Amino acid sequence: MPGECWTVGELARRTGLTVRALHHYDEIGLLRPAHRSEAGYRLYAPAEVTRLLQIQSLRQLGFSLTDIRALLDRPDMAPRQIVALHLRHLEDRIGREKELAGRLRALAWKLDSAADASAAEIAQTIEVMNLTEKFQEYFTPEQLDEIHRRAELVGEERIRESEAEWATLIAAMRAALENGTDPADDNVQAMATRWQGLIREFSGGNPEIEKTMAEMYRNEPKVRDFAGVDPALLDYVGKAMAARQS
């Protein structure tokens, strides 16, 4: 047997998992000990411990046990890829939590000093907390990783520019809606083209990310409020895009 091997009890003790969980992994074919002791006890070799690390990483990324087994059974899925994926996810989450911690630290300083934290500052911090939670609720871990990698590629300066473009575009599209302008109008069509272009810039052209984003905007009024859109405006934009495609 290669390397040190552990019984299920020893593996549970060293990893903090339960024997019951390890038995369940064995029963569903997710993690099966490859060796047996002379007394007939099943033993986990280093290869199985490495696989267990992959399983726990993918679990923390939100994958189901069924999906984890399918991923690990792929011949092109190396242990290092999964660890790297988990690391990126943690680094992104740490970055978001540091940003939130900075906001909370500033609020705490104001609450503890003579300065008063305005209701607007407190509300904005709560809003950021809720929006972060919504993104984690709708987007898969892989999609979030892709979004964050895309943001790093685009850069902070371009992100700020696109935010300003969005604000201008939303205001112009709302004015067209309120004026009763035909969605097939040339100016509206140009705005619809730019709208789609900004979406593509965010998603990197990934249709699944765009689909998830549309679903979130449909279902979450707070997200729409944060972006400054409403169902009527989204419906108008949809009609303009349909007219453009036809």
Protein backbone atom coordinates (compact mmCIF):
# COMPACT_ATOMS: atom_id res chain seq x y z
CA MET A 1 0.00 0.00 0.00
CA PRO A 2 1.47 3.40 -1.00
CA GLY A 3 2.15 5.79 1.88
CA GLU A 4 0.38 6.00 5.22
CA CYS A 5 -3.16 4.63 5.27
CA TRP A 6 -5.91 5.50 7.73
CA THR A 7 -9.08 3.79 8.91
CA VAL A 8 -12.36 5.63 8.56
CA GLY A 9 -12.24 6.59 12.24
CA GLU A 10 -8.73 7.99 11.95
CA LEU A 11 -9.59 9.95 8.80
CA ALA A 12 -12.68 11.37 10.49
CA ARG A 13 -10.66 12.42 13.53
CA ARG A 14 -7.93 14.08 11.48
CA THR A 15 -10.28 15.97 9.13
CA GLY A 16 -13.11 16.91 11.47
CA LEU A 17 -15.64 15.04 9.33
CA THR A 18 -17.99 12.44 10.77
CA VAL A 19 -17.65 8.72 10.22
CA ARG A 20 -21.24 8.81 9.01
CA ALA A 21 -20.37 11.33 6.28
CA LEU A 22 -17.41 9.23 5.10
CA HIS A 23 -19.58 6.10 5.05
CA HIS A 24 -22.13 8.00 2.97
CA TYR A 25 -19.45 9.07 0.49
CA ASP A 26 -18.43 5.40 0.25
CA GLU A 27 -22.03 4.21 -0.28
CA ILE A 28 -22.67 6.62 -3.18
CA GLY A 29 -19.32 5.86 -4.82
CA LEU A 30 -17.89 9.31 -4.21
CA LEU A 31 -14.98 8.28 -1.99
CA ARG A 32 -14.18 4.60 -1.68
CA PRO A 33 -11.17 3.37 0.33
CA ALA A 34 -8.94 1.44 -2.04
CA HIS A 35 -7.16 -0.79 0.47
CA ARG A 36 -7.87 -3.17 3.35
CA SER A 37 -5.91 -4.05 6.43
CA GLU A 38 -5.04 -7.65 7.32
CA ALA A 39 -8.02 -7.60 9.66
CA GLY A 40 -10.29 -6.57 6.79
CA TYR A 41 -10.75 -2.89 7.74
CA ARG A 42 -11.03 -0.49 4.84
CA LEU A 43 -8.12 1.94 4.62
CA TYR A 44 -7.80 5.36 3.00
CA ALA A 45 -4.53 5.96 1.15
CA PRO A 46 -3.07 9.43 0.33
CA ALA A 47 -4.85 9.36 -3.07
CA GLU A 48 -8.23 9.08 -1.33
CA VAL A 49 -7.30 11.85 1.12
CA THR A 50 -6.46 14.09 -1.86
CA ARG A 51 -9.82 13.23 -3.40
CA LEU A 52 -11.49 14.11 -0.10
CA LEU A 53 -9.83 17.55 -0.25
CA GLN A 54 -11.33 18.03 -3.72
CA ILE A 55 -14.74 16.93 -2.49
CA GLN A 56 -14.71 19.38 0.41
CA SER A 57 -13.48 22.23 -1.82
CA LEU A 58 -16.28 21.65 -4.31
CA ARG A 59 -18.84 21.35 -1.52
CA GLN A 60 -17.80 24.74 -0.17
CA LEU A 61 -18.17 26.12 -3.69
CA GLY A 62 -21.82 25.01 -3.62
CA PHE A 63 -21.75 21.90 -5.81
CA SER A 64 -24.06 18.99 -5.05
CA LEU A 65 -22.57 15.57 -4.30
CA THR A 66 -23.91 14.29 -7.63
CA ASP A 67 -22.20 17.11 -9.52
CA ILE A 68 -19.00 16.61 -7.53
CA ARG A 69 -18.83 12.95 -8.48
CA ALA A 70 -19.36 13.83 -12.16
CA LEU A 71 -16.61 16.47 -12.00
CA LEU A 72 -14.11 14.23 -10.25
CA ASP A 73 -14.74 11.40 -12.68
CA ARG A 74 -13.73 13.61 -15.60
CA PRO A 75 -10.26 12.64 -16.86
CA ASP A 76 -9.33 16.30 -17.46
CA MET A 77 -10.11 17.41 -13.89
CA ALA A 78 -6.81 17.54 -11.99
CA PRO A 79 -6.64 18.06 -8.20
CA ARG A 80 -4.70 21.28 -8.69
CA GLN A 81 -7.52 22.76 -10.82
CA ILE A 82 -10.06 22.28 -8.06
CA VAL A 83 -7.79 23.68 -5.38
CA ALA A 84 -7.03 26.68 -7.62
CA LEU A 85 -10.76 27.20 -8.25
CA HIS A 86 -11.45 27.12 -4.51
CA LEU A 87 -8.54 29.50 -3.86
CA ARG A 88 -9.84 32.04 -6.41
CA HIS A 89 -13.31 31.81 -4.89
CA LEU A 90 -11.93 32.44 -1.40
CA GLU A 91 -9.76 35.34 -2.57
CA ASP A 92 -12.75 36.94 -4.31
CA ARG A 93 -14.92 36.44 -1.23
CA ILE A 94 -12.18 37.86 1.01
CA GLY A 95 -11.98 40.91 -1.26
CA ARG A 96 -15.73 41.48 -1.05
CA GLU A 97 -15.74 40.96 2.70
CA LYS A 98 -12.80 43.36 3.12
CA GLU A 99 -14.77 46.00 1.24
CA LEU A 100 -17.77 45.42 3.48
CA ALA A 101 -15.49 45.41 6.55
CA GLY A 102 -14.17 48.81 5.48
CA ARG A 103 -17.68 50.20 5.31
CA LEU A 104 -18.57 48.73 8.70
CA ARG A 105 -15.31 50.03 10.21
CA ALA A 106 -16.10 53.54 9.02
CA LEU A 107 -19.59 53.31 10.46
CA ALA A 108 -18.26 51.98 13.77
CA TRP A 109 -15.79 54.87 14.00
CA LYS A 110 -18.55 57.40 13.44
CA LEU A 111 -20.86 55.72 15.94
CA ASP A 112 -18.08 55.71 18.57
CA SER A 113 -16.95 59.28 17.95
CA ALA A 114 -18.57 62.67 17.86
CA ALA A 115 -19.32 62.22 14.16
CA ASP A 116 -22.70 60.84 13.25
CA ALA A 117 -23.17 58.16 10.64
CA SER A 118 -25.90 59.33 8.33
CA ALA A 119 -28.92 57.17 7.67
CA ALA A 120 -27.89 57.17 4.01
CA GLU A 121 -24.46 55.69 4.82
CA ILE A 122 -25.99 52.99 7.00
CA ALA A 123 -28.63 52.19 4.39
CA GLN A 124 -25.98 51.96 1.67
CA THR A 125 -23.97 49.48 3.74
CA ILE A 126 -27.05 47.33 4.29
CA GLU A 127 -27.77 47.55 0.56
CA VAL A 128 -24.27 46.31 -0.32
CA MET A 129 -24.69 43.42 2.13
CA ASN A 130 -28.01 42.40 0.59
CA LEU A 131 -26.82 42.72 -3.01
CA THR A 132 -23.77 40.57 -2.26
CA GLU A 133 -26.07 37.94 -0.80
CA LYS A 134 -28.36 38.08 -3.87
CA PHE A 135 -25.45 37.55 -6.25
CA GLN A 136 -24.34 34.51 -4.26
CA GLU A 137 -27.91 33.22 -4.29
CA TYR A 138 -28.42 33.44 -8.06
CA PHE A 139 -25.02 32.91 -9.65
CA THR A 140 -23.15 29.62 -9.39
CA PRO A 141 -19.65 29.65 -7.87
CA GLU A 142 -18.17 29.13 -11.34
CA GLN A 143 -20.18 32.06 -12.72
CA LEU A 144 -19.08 34.30 -9.85
CA ASP A 145 -15.47 33.33 -10.47
CA GLU A 146 -15.87 34.17 -14.16
CA ILE A 147 -17.51 37.52 -13.34
CA HIS A 148 -14.69 38.46 -10.97
CA ARG A 149 -12.01 37.38 -13.45
CA ARG A 150 -13.78 39.47 -16.06
CA ALA A 151 -13.77 42.47 -13.71
CA GLU A 152 -10.02 42.06 -13.13
CA LEU A 153 -9.45 41.90 -16.88
CA VAL A 154 -11.55 44.99 -17.59
CA GLY A 155 -10.00 46.99 -14.75
CA GLU A 156 -11.33 49.40 -12.14
CA GLU A 157 -11.22 52.45 -14.43
CA ARG A 158 -13.34 50.82 -17.14
CA ILE A 159 -15.82 49.56 -14.53
CA ARG A 160 -16.36 53.13 -13.32
CA GLU A 161 -16.76 54.32 -16.90
CA SER A 162 -19.34 51.63 -17.66
CA GLU A 163 -21.27 52.51 -14.49
CA ALA A 164 -21.53 56.10 -15.74
CA GLU A 165 -22.56 54.85 -19.20
CA TRP A 166 -25.27 52.69 -17.65
CA ALA A 167 -26.69 55.66 -15.71
CA THR A 168 -26.81 57.83 -18.84
CA LEU A 169 -28.25 55.05 -20.99
CA ILE A 170 -30.95 54.10 -18.49
CA ALA A 171 -32.04 57.75 -18.20
CA ALA A 172 -32.18 58.14 -21.99
CA MET A 173 -34.11 54.90 -22.46
CA ARG A 174 -36.58 55.90 -19.74
CA ALA A 175 -37.14 59.24 -21.44
CA ALA A 176 -37.91 57.43 -24.71
CA LEU A 177 -40.37 55.17 -22.91
CA GLU A 178 -42.14 58.08 -21.19
CA ASN A 179 -42.32 59.98 -24.49
CA GLY A 180 -43.99 57.01 -26.15
CA THR A 181 -41.21 56.56 -28.72
CA ASP A 182 -41.60 53.47 -30.90
CA PRO A 183 -39.11 50.75 -29.81
CA ALA A 184 -38.19 50.38 -33.50
CA ASP A 185 -37.10 54.04 -33.70
CA ASP A 186 -33.51 54.42 -34.90
CA ASN A 187 -32.37 56.24 -31.77
CA VAL A 188 -33.96 53.64 -29.51
CA GLN A 189 -32.40 50.90 -31.60
CA ALA A 190 -28.98 52.48 -31.14
CA MET A 191 -29.54 52.60 -27.39
CA ALA A 192 -30.67 48.95 -27.39
CA THR A 193 -27.47 48.02 -29.20
CA ARG A 194 -25.41 49.84 -26.58
CA TRP A 195 -27.47 48.23 -23.80
CA GLN A 196 -26.68 44.80 -25.15
CA GLY A 197 -23.05 45.76 -25.56
CA LEU A 198 -22.72 46.72 -21.89
CA ILE A 199 -24.36 43.47 -20.85
CA ARG A 200 -21.89 41.55 -23.00
CA GLU A 201 -19.03 43.48 -21.48
CA PHE A 202 -20.18 42.39 -18.02
CA SER A 203 -20.84 38.77 -18.96
CA GLY A 204 -17.94 38.30 -21.36
CA GLY A 205 -20.51 36.92 -23.82
CA ASN A 206 -21.45 34.01 -21.55
CA PRO A 207 -25.18 33.37 -22.28
CA GLU A 208 -25.69 31.53 -18.97
CA ILE A 209 -24.48 34.55 -16.98
CA GLU A 210 -26.77 36.81 -19.03
CA LYS A 211 -29.68 34.45 -18.43
CA THR A 212 -29.04 34.37 -14.68
CA MET A 213 -28.71 38.15 -14.56
CA ALA A 214 -32.04 38.58 -16.39
CA GLU A 215 -33.69 36.18 -13.95
CA MET A 216 -32.33 38.09 -10.96
CA TYR A 217 -33.58 41.41 -12.34
CA ARG A 218 -37.00 39.87 -13.02
CA ASN A 219 -37.37 38.44 -9.53
CA GLU A 220 -35.63 40.95 -7.26
CA PRO A 221 -37.14 44.45 -6.91
CA LYS A 222 -34.24 45.60 -4.71
CA VAL A 223 -31.75 44.72 -7.42
CA ARG A 224 -33.82 46.64 -9.96
CA ASP A 225 -34.05 49.62 -7.60
CA PHE A 226 -30.28 49.63 -7.13
CA ALA A 227 -29.76 49.64 -10.91
CA GLY A 228 -32.50 52.26 -11.47
CA VAL A 229 -34.71 50.09 -13.67
CA ASP A 230 -38.24 48.74 -13.35
CA PRO A 231 -40.35 46.08 -15.13
CA ALA A 232 -41.86 48.64 -17.54
CA LEU A 233 -38.42 49.85 -18.64
CA LEU A 234 -37.08 46.31 -18.98
CA ASP A 235 -40.11 45.38 -21.08
CA TYR A 236 -39.49 48.40 -23.32
CA VAL A 237 -35.84 47.48 -23.75
CA GLY A 238 -36.88 43.90 -24.55
CA LYS A 239 -39.23 45.16 -27.29
CA ALA A 240 -36.46 47.32 -28.72
CA MET A 241 -34.08 44.38 -28.82
CA ALA A 242 -36.73 42.19 -30.45
CA ALA A 243 -37.33 44.85 -33.09
CA ARG A 244 -33.59 45.09 -33.70
CA GLN A 245 -33.28 41.36 -34.21
CA SER A 246 -36.22 41.23 -36.60
